[in-house]
Amino acid sequence: MRLGQLGHELRRPEADYLRDGIYQLPVGFTAANYRMLYFLHAKNAAVLTHGLRKESRVPPIEIDRAIGRMKRFSANPATYTAEMQL
């Protein structure tokens, strides 16, 4: 909800900028903690690239994976977008 409300203004400890347009959002689920990697698109959408189990730091290869997905999305957003009716 906070990401939806604040978008790119959401800061630590709720979200953190990693690099090259990729952010992380910590999420607790049952007894495990995860990091959801995402980027912001057109100032009105957060696009989730993937999630991983929380470690001490996000491995650089995971950030690179998110950057690759961001580039593919940005090249053709309609291919990866679905409309939600609320």
C-alpha atoms as a PDB file:
ATOM      1  CA  MET A   1       0.000   0.000   0.000  1.00  0.00           C
ATOM      2  CA  ARG A   2       2.812   2.407   0.878  1.00  0.00           C
ATOM      3  CA  LEU A   3       4.500   1.831  -2.472  1.00  0.00           C
ATOM      4  CA  GLY A   4       1.216   2.620  -4.187  1.00  0.00           C
ATOM      5  CA  GLN A   5       0.829   5.797  -2.151  1.00  0.00           C
ATOM      6  CA  LEU A   6       4.378   7.132  -2.353  1.00  0.00           C
ATOM      7  CA  GLY A   7       5.899   5.524  -5.468  1.00  0.00           C
ATOM      8  CA  HIS A   8       9.439   6.806  -6.043  1.00  0.00           C
ATOM      9  CA  GLU A   9       9.334   8.731  -2.767  1.00  0.00           C
ATOM     10  CA  LEU A  10       9.198   5.556  -0.660  1.00  0.00           C
ATOM     11  CA  ARG A  11      12.468   5.262   1.283  1.00  0.00           C
ATOM     12  CA  ARG A  12      14.221   3.128   3.854  1.00  0.00           C
ATOM     13  CA  PRO A  13      13.309   1.106   5.785  1.00  0.00           C
ATOM     14  CA  GLU A  14      10.268   0.382   3.609  1.00  0.00           C
ATOM     15  CA  ALA A  15      12.134   0.371   0.287  1.00  0.00           C
ATOM     16  CA  ASP A  16      15.673   0.931  -0.884  1.00  0.00           C
ATOM     17  CA  TYR A  17      17.315   1.986  -4.142  1.00  0.00           C
ATOM     18  CA  LEU A  18      19.875  -0.551  -5.339  1.00  0.00           C
ATOM     19  CA  ARG A  19      21.224   0.796  -8.662  1.00  0.00           C
ATOM     20  CA  ASP A  20      20.368   1.556 -12.293  1.00  0.00           C
ATOM     21  CA  GLY A  21      16.674   2.159 -11.597  1.00  0.00           C
ATOM     22  CA  ILE A  22      16.161  -1.014  -9.511  1.00  0.00           C
ATOM     23  CA  TYR A  23      14.655  -0.864  -6.016  1.00  0.00           C
ATOM     24  CA  GLN A  24      14.011  -3.474  -3.359  1.00  0.00           C
ATOM     25  CA  LEU A  25      10.998  -3.885  -1.152  1.00  0.00           C
ATOM     26  CA  PRO A  26      11.354  -6.124   1.909  1.00  0.00           C
ATOM     27  CA  VAL A  27       8.402  -8.457   2.439  1.00  0.00           C
ATOM     28  CA  GLY A  28       7.762 -10.772   5.357  1.00  0.00           C
ATOM     29  CA  PHE A  29       5.716 -13.883   4.660  1.00  0.00           C
ATOM     30  CA  THR A  30       5.066 -16.481   7.364  1.00  0.00           C
ATOM     31  CA  ALA A  31       8.453 -17.094   8.998  1.00  0.00           C
ATOM     32  CA  ALA A  32      10.577 -16.040   5.999  1.00  0.00           C
ATOM     33  CA  ASN A  33      11.733 -12.660   4.746  1.00  0.00           C
ATOM     34  CA  TYR A  34      11.998 -11.834   1.057  1.00  0.00           C
ATOM     35  CA  ARG A  35      13.169  -8.993  -1.145  1.00  0.00           C
ATOM     36  CA  MET A  36      11.023  -8.014  -4.093  1.00  0.00           C
ATOM     37  CA  LEU A  37      12.992  -6.248  -6.828  1.00  0.00           C
ATOM     38  CA  TYR A  38      11.110  -3.690  -8.897  1.00  0.00           C
ATOM     39  CA  PHE A  39      11.405  -0.574 -11.026  1.00  0.00           C
ATOM     40  CA  LEU A  40       9.119   2.380 -11.605  1.00  0.00           C
ATOM     41  CA  HIS A  41       7.535   2.901 -15.013  1.00  0.00           C
ATOM     42  CA  ALA A  42       5.962   6.140 -16.251  1.00  0.00           C
ATOM     43  CA  LYS A  43       5.583   7.485 -12.683  1.00  0.00           C
ATOM     44  CA  ASN A  44       2.368   5.530 -12.160  1.00  0.00           C
ATOM     45  CA  ALA A  45       3.384   1.876 -12.052  1.00  0.00           C
ATOM     46  CA  ALA A  46       5.779  -0.262 -10.065  1.00  0.00           C
ATOM     47  CA  VAL A  47       6.875  -3.298 -12.073  1.00  0.00           C
ATOM     48  CA  LEU A  48       7.984  -6.323 -10.078  1.00  0.00           C
ATOM     49  CA  THR A  49      10.898  -8.129 -11.725  1.00  0.00           C
ATOM     50  CA  HIS A  50      11.291 -10.990  -9.247  1.00  0.00           C
ATOM     51  CA  GLY A  51      11.701 -11.892  -5.607  1.00  0.00           C
ATOM     52  CA  LEU A  52      14.358 -13.687  -3.646  1.00  0.00           C
ATOM     53  CA  ARG A  53      14.916 -14.871  -0.145  1.00  0.00           C
ATOM     54  CA  LYS A  54      16.556 -12.244   2.022  1.00  0.00           C
ATOM     55  CA  GLU A  55      20.299 -12.533   2.468  1.00  0.00           C
ATOM     56  CA  SER A  56      22.711 -10.030   3.919  1.00  0.00           C
ATOM     57  CA  ARG A  57      22.896  -8.217   0.550  1.00  0.00           C
ATOM     58  CA  VAL A  58      21.211  -8.580  -2.807  1.00  0.00           C
ATOM     59  CA  PRO A  59      23.693 -10.465  -5.029  1.00  0.00           C
ATOM     60  CA  PRO A  60      24.847  -8.359  -8.024  1.00  0.00           C
ATOM     61  CA  ILE A  61      23.671 -11.075 -10.425  1.00  0.00           C
ATOM     62  CA  GLU A  62      20.101 -10.616  -9.128  1.00  0.00           C
ATOM     63  CA  ILE A  63      20.279  -6.860  -9.747  1.00  0.00           C
ATOM     64  CA  ASP A  64      21.634  -7.557 -13.248  1.00  0.00           C
ATOM     65  CA  ARG A  65      18.704  -9.942 -13.842  1.00  0.00           C
ATOM     66  CA  ALA A  66      16.252  -7.224 -12.770  1.00  0.00           C
ATOM     67  CA  ILE A  67      17.949  -4.672 -15.062  1.00  0.00           C
ATOM     68  CA  GLY A  68      17.630  -7.067 -18.007  1.00  0.00           C
ATOM     69  CA  ARG A  69      13.939  -7.539 -17.300  1.00  0.00           C
ATOM     70  CA  MET A  70      13.465  -3.788 -16.983  1.00  0.00           C
ATOM     71  CA  LYS A  71      15.078  -3.265 -20.390  1.00  0.00           C
ATOM     72  CA  ARG A  72      12.873  -5.926 -22.007  1.00  0.00           C
ATOM     73  CA  PHE A  73       9.770  -4.402 -20.441  1.00  0.00           C
ATOM     74  CA  SER A  74      10.720  -0.855 -21.438  1.00  0.00           C
ATOM     75  CA  ALA A  75      11.235  -1.924 -25.067  1.00  0.00           C
ATOM     76  CA  ASN A  76       7.616  -3.135 -25.320  1.00  0.00           C
ATOM     77  CA  PRO A  77       5.461  -2.535 -22.210  1.00  0.00           C
ATOM     78  CA  ALA A  78       2.220  -3.756 -23.813  1.00  0.00           C
ATOM     79  CA  THR A  79       3.640  -7.266 -24.098  1.00  0.00           C
ATOM     80  CA  TYR A  80       4.103  -7.479 -20.328  1.00  0.00           C
ATOM     81  CA  THR A  81       1.108  -5.478 -19.099  1.00  0.00           C
ATOM     82  CA  ALA A  82      -2.345  -6.613 -17.998  1.00  0.00           C
ATOM     83  CA  GLU A  83      -5.181  -4.299 -17.017  1.00  0.00           C
ATOM     84  CA  MET A  84      -6.758  -4.843 -13.599  1.00  0.00           C
ATOM     85  CA  GLN A  85     -10.355  -3.864 -13.012  1.00  0.00           C
ATOM     86  CA  LEU A  86     -10.960  -2.754  -9.438  1.00  0.00           C
END
